[in-house]
PDB file of N, CA and C in Angstrom:
ATOM      1  N   MET A   1       0.826  -1.195   0.000  1.00  0.00           N
ATOM      2  CA  MET A   1       0.000   0.000   0.000  1.00  0.00           C
ATOM      3  C   MET A   1       0.871   1.260   0.000  1.00  0.00           C
ATOM      4  N   LYS A   2       1.893   1.270   0.865  1.00  0.00           N
ATOM      5  CA  LYS A   2       2.780   2.421   0.933  1.00  0.00           C
ATOM      6  C   LYS A   2       3.519   2.613  -0.391  1.00  0.00           C
ATOM      7  N   ASN A   3       3.896   1.477  -1.002  1.00  0.00           N
ATOM      8  CA  ASN A   3       4.609   1.569  -2.282  1.00  0.00           C
ATOM      9  C   ASN A   3       3.716   2.194  -3.358  1.00  0.00           C
ATOM     10  N   ARG A   4       2.449   1.835  -3.368  1.00  0.00           N
ATOM     11  CA  ARG A   4       1.521   2.397  -4.361  1.00  0.00           C
ATOM     12  C   ARG A   4       1.360   3.908  -4.158  1.00  0.00           C
ATOM     13  N   ILE A   5       1.251   4.329  -2.939  1.00  0.00           N
ATOM     14  CA  ILE A   5       1.122   5.754  -2.645  1.00  0.00           C
ATOM     15  C   ILE A   5       2.394   6.483  -3.073  1.00  0.00           C
ATOM     16  N   LEU A   6       3.542   5.900  -2.745  1.00  0.00           N
ATOM     17  CA  LEU A   6       4.815   6.507  -3.112  1.00  0.00           C
ATOM     18  C   LEU A   6       4.956   6.602  -4.636  1.00  0.00           C
ATOM     19  N   ILE A   7       4.608   5.543  -5.338  1.00  0.00           N
ATOM     20  CA  ILE A   7       4.688   5.549  -6.807  1.00  0.00           C
ATOM     21  C   ILE A   7       3.723   6.575  -7.378  1.00  0.00           C
ATOM     22  N   SER A   8       2.529   6.660  -6.825  1.00  0.00           N
ATOM     23  CA  SER A   8       1.550   7.642  -7.300  1.00  0.00           C
ATOM     24  C   SER A   8       2.065   9.063  -7.109  1.00  0.00           C
ATOM     25  N   LEU A   9       2.646   9.328  -5.940  1.00  0.00           N
ATOM     26  CA  LEU A   9       3.196  10.662  -5.672  1.00  0.00           C
ATOM     27  C   LEU A   9       4.350  10.988  -6.616  1.00  0.00           C
ATOM     28  N   LEU A  10       5.213  10.014  -6.857  1.00  0.00           N
ATOM     29  CA  LEU A  10       6.328  10.231  -7.776  1.00  0.00           C
ATOM     30  C   LEU A  10       5.829  10.499  -9.193  1.00  0.00           C
ATOM     31  N   LEU A  11       4.840   9.742  -9.623  1.00  0.00           N
ATOM     32  CA  LEU A  11       4.271   9.931 -10.960  1.00  0.00           C
ATOM     33  C   LEU A  11       3.628  11.308 -11.092  1.00  0.00           C
ATOM     34  N   MET A  12       2.894  11.713 -10.054  1.00  0.00           N
ATOM     35  CA  MET A  12       2.261  13.029 -10.086  1.00  0.00           C
ATOM     36  C   MET A  12       3.313  14.135 -10.136  1.00  0.00           C
ATOM     37  N   SER A  13       4.386  13.984  -9.377  1.00  0.00           N
ATOM     38  CA  SER A  13       5.456  14.976  -9.378  1.00  0.00           C
ATOM     39  C   SER A  13       6.132  15.057 -10.740  1.00  0.00           C
ATOM     40  N   PHE A  14       6.347  13.904 -11.346  1.00  0.00           N
ATOM     41  CA  PHE A  14       6.967  13.847 -12.669  1.00  0.00           C
ATOM     42  C   PHE A  14       6.095  14.551 -13.696  1.00  0.00           C
ATOM     43  N   LEU A  15       4.796  14.267 -13.693  1.00  0.00           N
ATOM     44  CA  LEU A  15       3.880  14.880 -14.647  1.00  0.00           C
ATOM     45  C   LEU A  15       3.769  16.385 -14.426  1.00  0.00           C
ATOM     46  N   ALA A  16       3.776  16.814 -13.179  1.00  0.00           N
ATOM     47  CA  ALA A  16       3.740  18.255 -12.885  1.00  0.00           C
ATOM     48  C   ALA A  16       5.004  18.934 -13.408  1.00  0.00           C
ATOM     49  N   GLY A  17       6.138  18.274 -13.283  1.00  0.00           N
ATOM     50  CA  GLY A  17       7.398  18.815 -13.793  1.00  0.00           C
ATOM     51  C   GLY A  17       7.387  18.966 -15.298  1.00  0.00           C
ATOM     52  N   ILE A  18       6.814  17.990 -16.001  1.00  0.00           N
ATOM     53  CA  ILE A  18       6.695  18.069 -17.459  1.00  0.00           C
ATOM     54  C   ILE A  18       5.818  19.253 -17.837  1.00  0.00           C
ATOM     55  N   ASN A  19       4.716  19.446 -17.128  1.00  0.00           N
ATOM     56  CA  ASN A  19       3.805  20.556 -17.413  1.00  0.00           C
ATOM     57  C   ASN A  19       4.508  21.896 -17.215  1.00  0.00           C
ATOM     58  N   ILE A  20       5.292  22.031 -16.166  1.00  0.00           N
ATOM     59  CA  ILE A  20       6.023  23.275 -15.897  1.00  0.00           C
ATOM     60  C   ILE A  20       7.034  23.526 -17.012  1.00  0.00           C
ATOM     61  N   LEU A  21       7.735  22.486 -17.460  1.00  0.00           N
ATOM     62  CA  LEU A  21       8.687  22.644 -18.557  1.00  0.00           C
ATOM     63  C   LEU A  21       7.986  23.074 -19.832  1.00  0.00           C
ATOM     64  N   ALA A  22       6.851  22.490 -20.130  1.00  0.00           N
ATOM     65  CA  ALA A  22       6.105  22.842 -21.339  1.00  0.00           C
ATOM     66  C   ALA A  22       5.675  24.303 -21.292  1.00  0.00           C
ATOM     67  N   GLN A  23       5.235  24.772 -20.132  1.00  0.00           N
ATOM     68  CA  GLN A  23       4.802  26.156 -20.001  1.00  0.00           C
ATOM     69  C   GLN A  23       5.974  27.117 -20.145  1.00  0.00           C
ATOM     70  N   SER A  24       7.139  26.745 -19.651  1.00  0.00           N
ATOM     71  CA  SER A  24       8.291  27.640 -19.712  1.00  0.00           C
ATOM     72  C   SER A  24       8.848  27.734 -21.125  1.00  0.00           C
ATOM     73  N   LYS A  25       8.517  26.779 -21.997  1.00  0.00           N
ATOM     74  CA  LYS A  25       9.008  26.805 -23.366  1.00  0.00           C
ATOM     75  C   LYS A  25       8.055  27.513 -24.311  1.00  0.00           C
ATOM     76  N   GLU A  26       6.988  28.117 -23.801  1.00  0.00           N
ATOM     77  CA  GLU A  26       6.084  28.869 -24.652  1.00  0.00           C
ATOM     78  C   GLU A  26       6.861  29.997 -25.304  1.00  0.00           C
ATOM     79  N   VAL A  27       6.653  30.138 -26.597  1.00  0.00           N
ATOM     80  CA  VAL A  27       7.366  31.154 -27.348  1.00  0.00           C
ATOM     81  C   VAL A  27       6.644  32.490 -27.191  1.00  0.00           C
ATOM     82  N   LYS A  28       7.393  33.482 -26.787  1.00  0.00           N
ATOM     83  CA  LYS A  28       6.836  34.824 -26.652  1.00  0.00           C
ATOM     84  C   LYS A  28       6.945  35.495 -28.018  1.00  0.00           C
ATOM     85  N   PRO A  29       5.846  36.048 -28.516  1.00  0.00           N
ATOM     86  CA  PRO A  29       5.915  36.670 -29.833  1.00  0.00           C
ATOM     87  C   PRO A  29       6.846  37.883 -29.839  1.00  0.00           C
ATOM     88  N   LYS A  30       7.525  38.092 -30.975  1.00  0.00           N
ATOM     89  CA  LYS A  30       8.403  39.258 -31.114  1.00  0.00           C
ATOM     90  C   LYS A  30       7.583  40.514 -31.360  1.00  0.00           C
ATOM     91  N   VAL A  31       6.409  40.335 -31.991  1.00  0.00           N
ATOM     92  CA  VAL A  31       5.545  41.465 -32.312  1.00  0.00           C
ATOM     93  C   VAL A  31       4.104  41.096 -32.006  1.00  0.00           C
ATOM     94  N   THR A  32       3.359  42.020 -31.440  1.00  0.00           N
ATOM     95  CA  THR A  32       1.920  41.883 -31.285  1.00  0.00           C
ATOM     96  C   THR A  32       1.267  42.875 -32.238  1.00  0.00           C
ATOM     97  N   PHE A  33       0.423  42.346 -33.108  1.00  0.00           N
ATOM     98  CA  PHE A  33      -0.271  43.129 -34.126  1.00  0.00           C
ATOM     99  C   PHE A  33      -1.715  43.259 -33.665  1.00  0.00           C
ATOM    100  N   ILE A  34      -2.100  44.464 -33.269  1.00  0.00           N
ATOM    101  CA  ILE A  34      -3.454  44.707 -32.770  1.00  0.00           C
ATOM    102  C   ILE A  34      -4.247  45.444 -33.842  1.00  0.00           C
ATOM    103  N   GLU A  35      -5.340  44.851 -34.245  1.00  0.00           N
ATOM    104  CA  GLU A  35      -6.249  45.444 -35.221  1.00  0.00           C
ATOM    105  C   GLU A  35      -7.461  45.957 -34.459  1.00  0.00           C
ATOM    106  N   LEU A  36      -7.690  47.256 -34.525  1.00  0.00           N
ATOM    107  CA  LEU A  36      -8.835  47.879 -33.867  1.00  0.00           C
ATOM    108  C   LEU A  36      -9.807  48.276 -34.970  1.00  0.00           C
ATOM    109  N   GLY A  37     -10.965  47.614 -34.991  1.00  0.00           N
ATOM    110  CA  GLY A  37     -11.924  47.862 -36.061  1.00  0.00           C
ATOM    111  C   GLY A  37     -13.305  47.391 -35.670  1.00  0.00           C
ATOM    112  N   SER A  38     -14.037  46.911 -36.660  1.00  0.00           N
ATOM    113  CA  SER A  38     -15.378  46.393 -36.441  1.00  0.00           C
ATOM    114  C   SER A  38     -15.695  45.385 -37.524  1.00  0.00           C
ATOM    115  N   VAL A  39     -16.519  44.415 -37.183  1.00  0.00           N
ATOM    116  CA  VAL A  39     -16.945  43.434 -38.187  1.00  0.00           C
ATOM    117  C   VAL A  39     -17.942  44.051 -39.155  1.00  0.00           C
ATOM    118  N   ASN A  40     -18.439  45.256 -38.871  1.00  0.00           N
ATOM    119  CA  ASN A  40     -19.424  45.927 -39.719  1.00  0.00           C
ATOM    120  C   ASN A  40     -18.832  47.048 -40.570  1.00  0.00           C
ATOM    121  N   CYS A  41     -17.547  47.180 -40.615  1.00  0.00           N
ATOM    122  CA  CYS A  41     -16.868  48.250 -41.356  1.00  0.00           C
ATOM    123  C   CYS A  41     -16.192  47.614 -42.575  1.00  0.00           C
ATOM    124  N   ILE A  42     -16.410  48.182 -43.763  1.00  0.00           N
ATOM    125  CA  ILE A  42     -15.886  47.587 -44.999  1.00  0.00           C
ATOM    126  C   ILE A  42     -14.351  47.494 -45.004  1.00  0.00           C
ATOM    127  N   PRO A  43     -13.604  48.575 -44.741  1.00  0.00           N
ATOM    128  CA  PRO A  43     -12.138  48.426 -44.724  1.00  0.00           C
ATOM    129  C   PRO A  43     -11.666  47.443 -43.645  1.00  0.00           C
ATOM    130  N   CYS A  44     -12.419  47.383 -42.540  1.00  0.00           N
ATOM    131  CA  CYS A  44     -12.068  46.441 -41.466  1.00  0.00           C
ATOM    132  C   CYS A  44     -12.254  45.005 -41.957  1.00  0.00           C
ATOM    133  N   LYS A  45     -13.330  44.762 -42.684  1.00  0.00           N
ATOM    134  CA  LYS A  45     -13.569  43.426 -43.244  1.00  0.00           C
ATOM    135  C   LYS A  45     -12.456  43.054 -44.218  1.00  0.00           C
ATOM    136  N   MET A  46     -11.963  44.043 -44.958  1.00  0.00           N
ATOM    137  CA  MET A  46     -10.870  43.793 -45.897  1.00  0.00           C
ATOM    138  C   MET A  46      -9.582  43.417 -45.169  1.00  0.00           C
ATOM    139  N   MET A  47      -9.454  43.821 -43.915  1.00  0.00           N
ATOM    140  CA  MET A  47      -8.260  43.499 -43.129  1.00  0.00           C
ATOM    141  C   MET A  47      -8.271  42.064 -42.607  1.00  0.00           C
ATOM    142  N   GLN A  48      -9.431  41.443 -42.527  1.00  0.00           N
ATOM    143  CA  GLN A  48      -9.520  40.089 -41.970  1.00  0.00           C
ATOM    144  C   GLN A  48      -8.591  39.099 -42.692  1.00  0.00           C
ATOM    145  N   PRO A  49      -8.637  39.003 -44.039  1.00  0.00           N
ATOM    146  CA  PRO A  49      -7.716  38.064 -44.693  1.00  0.00           C
ATOM    147  C   PRO A  49      -6.249  38.471 -44.562  1.00  0.00           C
ATOM    148  N   VAL A  50      -5.978  39.758 -44.422  1.00  0.00           N
ATOM    149  CA  VAL A  50      -4.596  40.228 -44.224  1.00  0.00           C
ATOM    150  C   VAL A  50      -4.092  39.741 -42.867  1.00  0.00           C
ATOM    151  N   MET A  51      -4.906  39.893 -41.830  1.00  0.00           N
ATOM    152  CA  MET A  51      -4.509  39.442 -40.492  1.00  0.00           C
ATOM    153  C   MET A  51      -4.266  37.937 -40.486  1.00  0.00           C
ATOM    154  N   GLU A  52      -5.157  37.196 -41.141  1.00  0.00           N
ATOM    155  CA  GLU A  52      -5.011  35.740 -41.202  1.00  0.00           C
ATOM    156  C   GLU A  52      -3.729  35.355 -41.947  1.00  0.00           C
ATOM    157  N   ALA A  53      -3.437  36.041 -43.046  1.00  0.00           N
ATOM    158  CA  ALA A  53      -2.229  35.743 -43.818  1.00  0.00           C
ATOM    159  C   ALA A  53      -0.972  36.023 -42.993  1.00  0.00           C
ATOM    160  N   ILE A  54      -0.965  37.138 -42.259  1.00  0.00           N
ATOM    161  CA  ILE A  54       0.191  37.487 -41.419  1.00  0.00           C
ATOM    162  C   ILE A  54       0.383  36.430 -40.334  1.00  0.00           C
ATOM    163  N   GLU A  55      -0.708  36.035 -39.722  1.00  0.00           N
ATOM    164  CA  GLU A  55      -0.649  35.016 -38.668  1.00  0.00           C
ATOM    165  C   GLU A  55      -0.085  33.707 -39.223  1.00  0.00           C
ATOM    166  N   ASN A  56      -0.544  33.303 -40.392  1.00  0.00           N
ATOM    167  CA  ASN A  56      -0.074  32.054 -41.009  1.00  0.00           C
ATOM    168  C   ASN A  56       1.372  32.167 -41.471  1.00  0.00           C
ATOM    169  N   LYS A  57       1.736  33.324 -42.000  1.00  0.00           N
ATOM    170  CA  LYS A  57       3.069  33.516 -42.578  1.00  0.00           C
ATOM    171  C   LYS A  57       4.165  33.574 -41.515  1.00  0.00           C
ATOM    172  N   TYR A  58       3.865  34.179 -40.356  1.00  0.00           N
ATOM    173  CA  TYR A  58       4.899  34.395 -39.339  1.00  0.00           C
ATOM    174  C   TYR A  58       4.754  33.502 -38.110  1.00  0.00           C
ATOM    175  N   GLY A  59       3.685  32.727 -38.043  1.00  0.00           N
ATOM    176  CA  GLY A  59       3.501  31.787 -36.934  1.00  0.00           C
ATOM    177  C   GLY A  59       3.574  32.450 -35.579  1.00  0.00           C
ATOM    178  N   ASP A  60       4.317  31.838 -34.669  1.00  0.00           N
ATOM    179  CA  ASP A  60       4.353  32.341 -33.289  1.00  0.00           C
ATOM    180  C   ASP A  60       5.305  33.526 -33.094  1.00  0.00           C
ATOM    181  N   GLN A  61       5.868  34.047 -34.182  1.00  0.00           N
ATOM    182  CA  GLN A  61       6.668  35.275 -34.077  1.00  0.00           C
ATOM    183  C   GLN A  61       5.767  36.497 -33.890  1.00  0.00           C
ATOM    184  N   VAL A  62       4.506  36.363 -34.356  1.00  0.00           N
ATOM    185  CA  VAL A  62       3.547  37.463 -34.302  1.00  0.00           C
ATOM    186  C   VAL A  62       2.265  36.983 -33.633  1.00  0.00           C
ATOM    187  N   LYS A  63       1.780  37.777 -32.716  1.00  0.00           N
ATOM    188  CA  LYS A  63       0.471  37.524 -32.117  1.00  0.00           C
ATOM    189  C   LYS A  63      -0.490  38.547 -32.708  1.00  0.00           C
ATOM    190  N   VAL A  64      -1.549  38.057 -33.355  1.00  0.00           N
ATOM    191  CA  VAL A  64      -2.530  38.939 -33.981  1.00  0.00           C
ATOM    192  C   VAL A  64      -3.774  38.995 -33.098  1.00  0.00           C
ATOM    193  N   ILE A  65      -4.197  40.210 -32.767  1.00  0.00           N
ATOM    194  CA  ILE A  65      -5.368  40.411 -31.911  1.00  0.00           C
ATOM    195  C   ILE A  65      -6.324  41.353 -32.639  1.00  0.00           C
ATOM    196  N   PHE A  66      -7.605  40.988 -32.658  1.00  0.00           N
ATOM    197  CA  PHE A  66      -8.626  41.854 -33.248  1.00  0.00           C
ATOM    198  C   PHE A  66      -9.593  42.292 -32.158  1.00  0.00           C
ATOM    199  N   TYR A  67      -9.834  43.606 -32.077  1.00  0.00           N
ATOM    200  CA  TYR A  67     -10.833  44.145 -31.160  1.00  0.00           C
ATOM    201  C   TYR A  67     -11.912  44.837 -31.985  1.00  0.00           C
ATOM    202  N   ASP A  68     -13.156  44.435 -31.775  1.00  0.00           N
ATOM    203  CA  ASP A  68     -14.296  45.088 -32.414  1.00  0.00           C
ATOM    204  C   ASP A  68     -14.703  46.236 -31.495  1.00  0.00           C
ATOM    205  N   VAL A  69     -14.214  47.416 -31.807  1.00  0.00           N
ATOM    206  CA  VAL A  69     -14.390  48.562 -30.913  1.00  0.00           C
ATOM    207  C   VAL A  69     -15.791  49.176 -30.987  1.00  0.00           C
ATOM    208  N   TRP A  70     -16.653  48.615 -31.825  1.00  0.00           N
ATOM    209  CA  TRP A  70     -18.037  49.057 -31.865  1.00  0.00           C
ATOM    210  C   TRP A  70     -18.921  48.241 -30.930  1.00  0.00           C
ATOM    211  N   THR A  71     -18.346  47.270 -30.223  1.00  0.00           N
ATOM    212  CA  THR A  71     -19.117  46.495 -29.253  1.00  0.00           C
ATOM    213  C   THR A  71     -18.899  47.088 -27.864  1.00  0.00           C
ATOM    214  N   ASN A  72     -19.889  46.931 -27.023  1.00  0.00           N
ATOM    215  CA  ASN A  72     -19.776  47.454 -25.657  1.00  0.00           C
ATOM    216  C   ASN A  72     -18.610  46.824 -24.906  1.00  0.00           C
ATOM    217  N   GLU A  73     -18.365  45.540 -25.158  1.00  0.00           N
ATOM    218  CA  GLU A  73     -17.323  44.823 -24.425  1.00  0.00           C
ATOM    219  C   GLU A  73     -15.917  45.266 -24.818  1.00  0.00           C
ATOM    220  N   GLN A  74     -15.753  45.730 -26.065  1.00  0.00           N
ATOM    221  CA  GLN A  74     -14.395  46.009 -26.536  1.00  0.00           C
ATOM    222  C   GLN A  74     -14.139  47.466 -26.899  1.00  0.00           C
ATOM    223  N   LYS A  75     -15.117  48.339 -26.706  1.00  0.00           N
ATOM    224  CA  LYS A  75     -14.877  49.750 -27.039  1.00  0.00           C
ATOM    225  C   LYS A  75     -13.829  50.391 -26.130  1.00  0.00           C
ATOM    226  N   LYS A  76     -13.565  49.775 -24.990  1.00  0.00           N
ATOM    227  CA  LYS A  76     -12.531  50.293 -24.090  1.00  0.00           C
ATOM    228  C   LYS A  76     -11.156  50.305 -24.759  1.00  0.00           C
ATOM    229  N   TYR A  77     -10.950  49.394 -25.740  1.00  0.00           N
ATOM    230  CA  TYR A  77      -9.653  49.346 -26.424  1.00  0.00           C
ATOM    231  C   TYR A  77      -9.460  50.550 -27.346  1.00  0.00           C
ATOM    232  N   ALA A  78     -10.558  51.097 -27.859  1.00  0.00           N
ATOM    233  CA  ALA A  78     -10.468  52.322 -28.671  1.00  0.00           C
ATOM    234  C   ALA A  78      -9.934  53.455 -27.805  1.00  0.00           C
ATOM    235  N   GLN A  79     -10.393  53.516 -26.567  1.00  0.00           N
ATOM    236  CA  GLN A  79      -9.923  54.540 -25.638  1.00  0.00           C
ATOM    237  C   GLN A  79      -8.488  54.248 -25.187  1.00  0.00           C
ATOM    238  N   GLN A  80      -8.221  52.979 -24.889  1.00  0.00           N
ATOM    239  CA  GLN A  80      -6.884  52.595 -24.419  1.00  0.00           C
ATOM    240  C   GLN A  80      -5.805  52.955 -25.441  1.00  0.00           C
ATOM    241  N   TYR A  81      -6.086  52.695 -26.720  1.00  0.00           N
ATOM    242  CA  TYR A  81      -5.104  52.961 -27.773  1.00  0.00           C
ATOM    243  C   TYR A  81      -5.303  54.327 -28.437  1.00  0.00           C
ATOM    244  N   LYS A  82      -6.269  55.088 -27.936  1.00  0.00           N
ATOM    245  CA  LYS A  82      -6.520  56.459 -28.412  1.00  0.00           C
ATOM    246  C   LYS A  82      -6.639  56.534 -29.932  1.00  0.00           C
ATOM    247  N   ILE A  83      -7.499  55.674 -30.480  1.00  0.00           N
ATOM    248  CA  ILE A  83      -7.656  55.682 -31.931  1.00  0.00           C
ATOM    249  C   ILE A  83      -8.630  56.768 -32.364  1.00  0.00           C
ATOM    250  N   LYS A  84      -8.431  57.248 -33.591  1.00  0.00           N
ATOM    251  CA  LYS A  84      -9.269  58.304 -34.155  1.00  0.00           C
ATOM    252  C   LYS A  84     -10.237  57.756 -35.185  1.00  0.00           C
ATOM    253  N   LEU A  85      -9.838  56.657 -35.837  1.00  0.00           N
ATOM    254  CA  LEU A  85     -10.694  56.055 -36.861  1.00  0.00           C
ATOM    255  C   LEU A  85     -10.418  54.560 -36.926  1.00  0.00           C
ATOM    256  N   ILE A  86     -11.298  53.859 -37.643  1.00  0.00           N
ATOM    257  CA  ILE A  86     -11.089  52.429 -37.832  1.00  0.00           C
ATOM    258  C   ILE A  86     -11.038  52.133 -39.324  1.00  0.00           C
ATOM    259  N   PRO A  87     -10.274  51.137 -39.684  1.00  0.00           N
ATOM    260  CA  PRO A  87      -9.399  50.336 -38.834  1.00  0.00           C
ATOM    261  C   PRO A  87      -8.107  51.081 -38.482  1.00  0.00           C
ATOM    262  N   THR A  88      -7.593  50.762 -37.325  1.00  0.00           N
ATOM    263  CA  THR A  88      -6.273  51.228 -36.896  1.00  0.00           C
ATOM    264  C   THR A  88      -5.473  50.004 -36.490  1.00  0.00           C
ATOM    265  N   GLN A  89      -4.226  49.956 -36.937  1.00  0.00           N
ATOM    266  CA  GLN A  89      -3.330  48.860 -36.576  1.00  0.00           C
ATOM    267  C   GLN A  89      -2.249  49.408 -35.658  1.00  0.00           C
ATOM    268  N   VAL A  90      -2.045  48.709 -34.551  1.00  0.00           N
ATOM    269  CA  VAL A  90      -1.015  49.081 -33.578  1.00  0.00           C
ATOM    270  C   VAL A  90      -0.071  47.889 -33.455  1.00  0.00           C
ATOM    271  N   PHE A  91       1.218  48.156 -33.529  1.00  0.00           N
ATOM    272  CA  PHE A  91       2.225  47.106 -33.431  1.00  0.00           C
ATOM    273  C   PHE A  91       3.062  47.337 -32.178  1.00  0.00           C
ATOM    274  N   LEU A  92       3.169  46.286 -31.375  1.00  0.00           N
ATOM    275  CA  LEU A  92       3.917  46.336 -30.118  1.00  0.00           C
ATOM    276  C   LEU A  92       5.121  45.407 -30.207  1.00  0.00           C
ATOM    277  N   ASP A  93       6.232  45.799 -29.592  1.00  0.00           N
ATOM    278  CA  ASP A  93       7.392  44.913 -29.546  1.00  0.00           C
ATOM    279  C   ASP A  93       7.210  43.870 -28.449  1.00  0.00           C
ATOM    280  N   GLU A  94       8.228  43.037 -28.253  1.00  0.00           N
ATOM    281  CA  GLU A  94       8.110  41.949 -27.266  1.00  0.00           C
ATOM    282  C   GLU A  94       7.960  42.452 -25.842  1.00  0.00           C
ATOM    283  N   ASN A  95       8.267  43.726 -25.599  1.00  0.00           N
ATOM    284  CA  ASN A  95       8.101  44.316 -24.267  1.00  0.00           C
ATOM    285  C   ASN A  95       6.783  45.061 -24.119  1.00  0.00           C
ATOM    286  N   GLY A  96       5.952  45.015 -25.163  1.00  0.00           N
ATOM    287  CA  GLY A  96       4.652  45.673 -25.103  1.00  0.00           C
ATOM    288  C   GLY A  96       4.698  47.157 -25.450  1.00  0.00           C
ATOM    289  N   LYS A  97       5.832  47.626 -25.978  1.00  0.00           N
ATOM    290  CA  LYS A  97       5.973  49.041 -26.339  1.00  0.00           C
ATOM    291  C   LYS A  97       5.569  49.233 -27.807  1.00  0.00           C
ATOM    292  N   GLU A  98       4.716  50.228 -28.032  1.00  0.00           N
ATOM    293  CA  GLU A  98       4.271  50.523 -29.396  1.00  0.00           C
ATOM    294  C   GLU A  98       5.449  51.039 -30.223  1.00  0.00           C
ATOM    295  N   PHE A  99       5.622  50.443 -31.415  1.00  0.00           N
ATOM    296  CA  PHE A  99       6.678  50.920 -32.302  1.00  0.00           C
ATOM    297  C   PHE A  99       6.139  51.372 -33.651  1.00  0.00           C
ATOM    298  N   HIS A 100       4.862  51.101 -33.930  1.00  0.00           N
ATOM    299  CA  HIS A 100       4.300  51.532 -35.210  1.00  0.00           C
ATOM    300  C   HIS A 100       2.774  51.575 -35.103  1.00  0.00           C
ATOM    301  N   ARG A 101       2.195  52.510 -35.867  1.00  0.00           N
ATOM    302  CA  ARG A 101       0.736  52.664 -35.902  1.00  0.00           C
ATOM    303  C   ARG A 101       0.355  53.054 -37.322  1.00  0.00           C
ATOM    304  N   HIS A 102      -0.785  52.536 -37.773  1.00  0.00           N
ATOM    305  CA  HIS A 102      -1.292  52.851 -39.111  1.00  0.00           C
ATOM    306  C   HIS A 102      -2.802  52.984 -39.029  1.00  0.00           C
ATOM    307  N   GLU A 103      -3.355  53.923 -39.797  1.00  0.00           N
ATOM    308  CA  GLU A 103      -4.810  54.103 -39.844  1.00  0.00           C
ATOM    309  C   GLU A 103      -5.310  53.777 -41.247  1.00  0.00           C
ATOM    310  N   GLY A 104      -6.427  53.052 -41.324  1.00  0.00           N
ATOM    311  CA  GLY A 104      -7.003  52.667 -42.603  1.00  0.00           C
ATOM    312  C   GLY A 104      -6.567  51.274 -43.014  1.00  0.00           C
ATOM    313  N   PHE A 105      -6.962  50.893 -44.232  1.00  0.00           N
ATOM    314  CA  PHE A 105      -6.561  49.575 -44.741  1.00  0.00           C
ATOM    315  C   PHE A 105      -5.043  49.532 -44.873  1.00  0.00           C
ATOM    316  N   TYR A 106      -4.452  48.408 -44.451  1.00  0.00           N
ATOM    317  CA  TYR A 106      -2.994  48.257 -44.471  1.00  0.00           C
ATOM    318  C   TYR A 106      -2.661  47.024 -45.302  1.00  0.00           C
ATOM    319  N   PRO A 107      -2.108  47.198 -46.498  1.00  0.00           N
ATOM    320  CA  PRO A 107      -1.821  46.051 -47.358  1.00  0.00           C
ATOM    321  C   PRO A 107      -0.824  45.072 -46.725  1.00  0.00           C
ATOM    322  N   GLU A 108      -1.027  43.815 -47.014  1.00  0.00           N
ATOM    323  CA  GLU A 108      -0.164  42.767 -46.464  1.00  0.00           C
ATOM    324  C   GLU A 108       1.307  43.011 -46.796  1.00  0.00           C
ATOM    325  N   ALA A 109       1.601  43.424 -48.026  1.00  0.00           N
ATOM    326  CA  ALA A 109       2.994  43.645 -48.439  1.00  0.00           C
ATOM    327  C   ALA A 109       3.666  44.717 -47.578  1.00  0.00           C
ATOM    328  N   GLU A 110       2.919  45.741 -47.185  1.00  0.00           N
ATOM    329  CA  GLU A 110       3.479  46.792 -46.342  1.00  0.00           C
ATOM    330  C   GLU A 110       3.740  46.291 -44.921  1.00  0.00           C
ATOM    331  N   ILE A 111       2.839  45.452 -44.433  1.00  0.00           N
ATOM    332  CA  ILE A 111       3.033  44.863 -43.098  1.00  0.00           C
ATOM    333  C   ILE A 111       4.236  43.930 -43.132  1.00  0.00           C
ATOM    334  N   ASP A 112       4.385  43.176 -44.235  1.00  0.00           N
ATOM    335  CA  ASP A 112       5.562  42.307 -44.391  1.00  0.00           C
ATOM    336  C   ASP A 112       6.849  43.119 -44.267  1.00  0.00           C
ATOM    337  N   LYS A 113       6.920  44.248 -44.961  1.00  0.00           N
ATOM    338  CA  LYS A 113       8.120  45.096 -44.898  1.00  0.00           C
ATOM    339  C   LYS A 113       8.399  45.526 -43.464  1.00  0.00           C
ATOM    340  N   LEU A 114       7.346  45.930 -42.764  1.00  0.00           N
ATOM    341  CA  LEU A 114       7.484  46.367 -41.370  1.00  0.00           C
ATOM    342  C   LEU A 114       8.022  45.233 -40.497  1.00  0.00           C
ATOM    343  N   LEU A 115       7.403  44.064 -40.598  1.00  0.00           N
ATOM    344  CA  LEU A 115       7.793  42.932 -39.751  1.00  0.00           C
ATOM    345  C   LEU A 115       9.188  42.438 -40.092  1.00  0.00           C
ATOM    346  N   GLN A 116       9.503  42.354 -41.368  1.00  0.00           N
ATOM    347  CA  GLN A 116      10.839  41.899 -41.754  1.00  0.00           C
ATOM    348  C   GLN A 116      11.898  42.917 -41.356  1.00  0.00           C
ATOM    349  N   GLY A 117      11.525  44.190 -41.319  1.00  0.00           N
ATOM    350  CA  GLY A 117      12.429  45.223 -40.813  1.00  0.00           C
ATOM    351  C   GLY A 117      12.726  45.062 -39.330  1.00  0.00           C
ATOM    352  N   LYS A 118      11.829  44.379 -38.618  1.00  0.00           N
ATOM    353  CA  LYS A 118      12.034  44.090 -37.189  1.00  0.00           C
ATOM    354  C   LYS A 118      12.728  42.739 -36.987  1.00  0.00           C
ATOM    355  N   GLY A 119      13.168  42.113 -38.093  1.00  0.00           N
ATOM    356  CA  GLY A 119      13.908  40.860 -37.998  1.00  0.00           C
ATOM    357  C   GLY A 119      13.069  39.599 -38.057  1.00  0.00           C
ATOM    358  N   LEU A 120      11.785  39.722 -38.309  1.00  0.00           N
ATOM    359  CA  LEU A 120      10.954  38.529 -38.413  1.00  0.00           C
ATOM    360  C   LEU A 120      11.136  37.892 -39.785  1.00  0.00           C
ATOM    361  N   LYS A 121      11.053  36.580 -39.811  1.00  0.00           N
ATOM    362  CA  LYS A 121      11.226  35.830 -41.048  1.00  0.00           C
ATOM    363  C   LYS A 121       9.981  34.996 -41.310  1.00  0.00           C
ATOM    364  N   PRO A 122       9.461  35.073 -42.553  1.00  0.00           N
ATOM    365  CA  PRO A 122       8.315  34.213 -42.874  1.00  0.00           C
ATOM    366  C   PRO A 122       8.714  32.750 -42.709  1.00  0.00           C
ATOM    367  N   LYS A 123       7.786  31.959 -42.178  1.00  0.00           N
ATOM    368  CA  LYS A 123       8.099  30.538 -42.038  1.00  0.00           C
ATOM    369  C   LYS A 123       7.952  29.874 -43.399  1.00  0.00           C
ATOM    370  N   LYS A 124       8.645  28.787 -43.569  1.00  0.00           N
ATOM    371  CA  LYS A 124       8.656  28.125 -44.878  1.00  0.00           C
ATOM    372  C   LYS A 124       7.656  27.024 -44.979  1.00  0.00           C
TER     373      LYS A 124
END
């Protein structure tokens, strides 16, 4: 009986250690791309495939976040980022500091130039 308890405790400790290691290996994105817009705005809708392409192209190097600032739950982000119009794109470095901002539709090729200028590489 004591051996079973001891083995169970050892197994639980081992599994907890694996979980801690897995969490510590999470990759922190080099850039956070925040899109502030609305699902009901035409230029904002045009940004949806651009955001998806950037996310797919750069993987975990970039974290893409969309806030629908016309909803009650997310309009606080319009105030937080002090936007004047939608869509607005805000880019943060790995420390959360804003390094670039754009208003209006932002073509994928231009975002690529920005990200590659920060040292990001498209995945193959």
